[in-house]
Each structure stands twice: as C-alpha cells, then as structure tokens.
Amino acid sequence: MSGAGETIETGSAAATEAVGARIAAGLGPGDVVVVSGELGAGKTTLIRGACRALGVEGPVTSPTFTIGRRYRGRLPVSHLDLYRLGGLDGEDPALLDDYLDPASVGFVEWPAIAAPQLAGRRVTSVAIAHLDADRRRIRWQAASASR
C-alpha cells in the first residue's frame, strides 16, 4: 500500500476496526500513523483494529487523559492522544520521541500540533469523517518513504 491513497465508508465499529487492520498490514518499525477527525468520529476504534492486527491482545482505549499508552504486540505499539495539549511548547521536548521510537509503530490522535516533530518520519495520514450514528468515511494516504 506504499504511497497509495484510499477512501472507504464503513457502517459499524467492526468495519472501522477492519480498516485499521488493513492499514496496519503495511506498517513496520518506526512508522507513524496520524489520525484526525472530530470527537466521536472513531479514531480510537480504527486504532484498536490496527493494534489487534499488530498482535495487541489487551484493551485498547483512548489515552486522552494520560497522553500516551504503550502496547505489546508483534511490534511495540504506541498510542498518543494530543487533544488536551494546546501545543508542545510547554511540554517535555522528548515527549513524542519517548513514544515514537524507531522500534515501535506509533498512532497519534489530534496530530496537528505534532506536525513539525514528525518531519523526516514515515507517516501515514488518516482522516475520519462522522457521517451518522454508524457510518464513517475513512481516507488515508500511506507513507511513500522507504524504510
């Protein structure tokens, strides 16, 4: 899926998780997936599906109040939620590096404030639009840089 872009509409949480699994199939160590969309759009649901595909077995929940979580799977997985941060200026300069290391696959919800720190990384962009109670439109652009 390298360099490819795609749009899919889903009609259930399970279908959104399946898209996450599909995206995860093209990921490797050091890859970062930035996931944007309004509150309740299904960002964590998509990430849960990706984590399952990467071998994570335990609960996958939004780290809104803790900023980040780490999971063990076939590869280490990091999940950041930057919603509560107004910017990274007042944060530890190594905040992102602590989670987005070269051995892990990283997922970042609300990634806009992290864009400058993601330069030079292999980044897949995902945008989720909340169409109605069950339906979502998911657009992604896979990273094109080689590992």
Protein backbone atom coordinates (compact mmCIF):
# COMPACT_ATOMS: atom_id res chain seq x y z
CA MET A 1 0.00 0.00 0.00
CA SER A 2 3.06 2.24 -0.09
CA GLY A 3 2.23 5.71 -1.38
CA ALA A 4 -1.37 4.70 -2.04
CA GLY A 5 -4.40 6.71 -1.04
CA GLU A 6 -7.81 5.25 -0.44
CA THR A 7 -11.29 6.18 0.80
CA ILE A 8 -13.71 3.72 2.39
CA GLU A 9 -17.09 4.14 4.04
CA THR A 10 -17.88 1.90 6.99
CA GLY A 11 -21.21 1.14 8.64
CA SER A 12 -20.16 -0.28 12.00
CA ALA A 13 -17.42 -0.16 14.62
CA ALA A 14 -16.29 -3.62 13.46
CA ALA A 15 -15.93 -2.36 9.88
CA THR A 16 -13.93 0.65 11.11
CA GLU A 17 -11.66 -1.70 13.07
CA ALA A 18 -11.21 -3.78 9.90
CA VAL A 19 -9.97 -0.68 8.05
CA GLY A 20 -7.50 -0.14 10.89
CA ALA A 21 -6.29 -3.73 10.44
CA ARG A 22 -5.89 -3.15 6.73
CA ILE A 23 -3.81 -0.03 7.34
CA ALA A 24 -1.70 -1.90 9.91
CA ALA A 25 -0.79 -4.54 7.32
CA GLY A 26 1.51 -2.01 5.64
CA LEU A 27 3.23 -0.77 8.81
CA GLY A 28 6.63 -1.55 10.24
CA PRO A 29 9.00 -0.35 12.96
CA GLY A 30 9.34 3.42 13.06
CA ASP A 31 6.13 4.08 11.13
CA VAL A 32 3.72 6.70 12.47
CA VAL A 33 0.01 6.92 11.68
CA VAL A 34 -1.61 10.30 12.30
CA VAL A 35 -5.37 10.06 12.77
CA SER A 36 -7.61 13.12 12.59
CA GLY A 37 -11.35 13.60 12.90
CA GLU A 38 -13.87 15.25 15.17
CA LEU A 39 -14.72 13.95 18.64
CA GLY A 40 -16.55 10.63 18.37
CA ALA A 41 -15.50 10.03 14.76
CA GLY A 42 -13.95 6.65 15.51
CA LYS A 43 -10.23 7.41 15.79
CA THR A 44 -9.65 5.06 18.72
CA THR A 45 -11.87 2.40 17.12
CA LEU A 46 -9.71 2.44 14.00
CA ILE A 47 -6.54 2.33 16.11
CA ARG A 48 -7.95 -0.60 18.11
CA GLY A 49 -8.35 -2.56 14.87
CA ALA A 50 -4.80 -1.71 13.83
CA CYS A 51 -3.48 -2.76 17.24
CA ARG A 52 -5.30 -6.11 17.01
CA ALA A 53 -3.70 -6.70 13.60
CA LEU A 54 -0.32 -5.89 15.15
CA GLY A 55 -0.86 -8.55 17.82
CA VAL A 56 -2.06 -6.42 20.75
CA GLU A 57 -4.42 -8.54 22.86
CA GLY A 58 -5.40 -6.37 25.83
CA PRO A 59 -7.77 -3.41 25.97
CA VAL A 60 -7.01 -0.52 23.60
CA THR A 61 -8.51 2.70 24.92
CA SER A 62 -8.02 6.39 24.22
CA PRO A 63 -5.13 7.89 26.20
CA THR A 64 -6.81 11.33 26.32
CA PHE A 65 -6.03 11.88 29.99
CA THR A 66 -2.63 10.16 30.06
CA ILE A 67 -1.43 11.49 26.66
CA GLY A 68 0.10 8.15 25.68
CA ARG A 69 -0.07 4.38 26.09
CA ARG A 70 2.26 1.58 25.06
CA TYR A 71 1.13 -1.86 23.99
CA ARG A 72 2.94 -5.12 23.33
CA GLY A 73 2.23 -6.97 20.12
CA ARG A 74 4.35 -8.46 17.34
CA LEU A 75 5.90 -4.99 17.37
CA PRO A 76 5.78 -2.47 20.20
CA VAL A 77 2.86 -0.07 19.62
CA SER A 78 2.48 3.46 20.97
CA HIS A 79 -0.80 5.39 21.01
CA LEU A 80 -0.81 9.13 21.66
CA ASP A 81 -3.81 11.42 22.04
CA LEU A 82 -2.79 15.08 21.88
CA TYR A 83 -6.33 16.51 22.24
CA ARG A 84 -5.73 18.09 25.64
CA LEU A 85 -2.47 19.75 24.63
CA GLY A 86 -2.68 23.26 23.24
CA GLY A 87 0.83 22.89 21.87
CA LEU A 88 4.10 21.19 22.58
CA ASP A 89 5.98 24.32 23.67
CA GLY A 90 5.36 23.75 27.40
CA GLU A 91 5.87 20.00 27.21
CA ASP A 92 8.96 17.89 27.67
CA PRO A 93 10.88 18.19 24.38
CA ALA A 94 11.25 14.40 24.29
CA LEU A 95 7.51 13.69 24.73
CA LEU A 96 7.00 12.41 21.19
CA ASP A 97 10.39 10.71 21.00
CA ASP A 98 9.59 8.73 24.16
CA TYR A 99 6.63 7.13 22.35
CA LEU A 100 7.58 7.32 18.67
CA ASP A 101 10.83 5.41 18.67
CA PRO A 102 12.39 3.57 15.70
CA ALA A 103 11.37 0.13 17.04
CA SER A 104 7.67 0.95 17.51
CA VAL A 105 4.63 1.62 15.38
CA GLY A 106 3.05 4.86 16.57
CA PHE A 107 -0.50 6.19 16.33
CA VAL A 108 -1.21 9.87 17.03
CA GLU A 109 -4.72 11.24 17.52
CA TRP A 110 -5.15 15.03 17.12
CA PRO A 111 -1.75 15.27 15.39
CA ALA A 112 -1.77 18.90 14.16
CA ILE A 113 0.43 20.24 16.96
CA ALA A 114 2.98 17.47 16.39
CA ALA A 115 3.45 18.05 12.65
CA PRO A 116 6.87 19.77 12.94
CA GLN A 117 8.23 16.95 15.12
CA LEU A 118 7.07 14.32 12.63
CA ALA A 119 9.14 15.69 9.75
CA GLY A 120 11.50 13.08 8.40
CA ARG A 121 9.45 10.17 9.72
CA ARG A 122 7.48 7.68 7.64
CA VAL A 123 3.93 8.95 8.25
CA THR A 124 0.58 7.55 7.11
CA SER A 125 -2.25 10.09 7.31
CA VAL A 126 -5.80 9.03 8.17
CA ALA A 127 -8.87 11.30 8.29
CA ILE A 128 -12.18 10.01 9.64
CA ALA A 129 -15.47 11.81 8.98
CA HIS A 130 -18.50 11.00 11.11
CA LEU A 131 -21.37 10.63 8.61
CA ASP A 132 -24.12 9.48 11.01
CA ALA A 133 -24.57 7.26 14.08
CA ASP A 134 -22.86 4.26 12.47
CA ARG A 135 -21.29 5.38 9.19
CA ARG A 136 -17.79 6.79 8.79
CA ARG A 137 -15.78 7.92 5.78
CA ILE A 138 -12.13 7.00 6.21
CA ARG A 139 -9.48 8.46 3.93
CA TRP A 140 -5.86 7.51 4.18
CA GLN A 141 -2.64 8.25 2.43
CA ALA A 142 0.06 5.69 3.10
CA ALA A 143 3.62 6.81 3.60
CA SER A 144 5.76 6.73 0.50
CA ALA A 145 9.23 6.95 2.08
CA SER A 146 11.18 3.71 2.05
CA ARG A 147 12.34 2.00 5.21
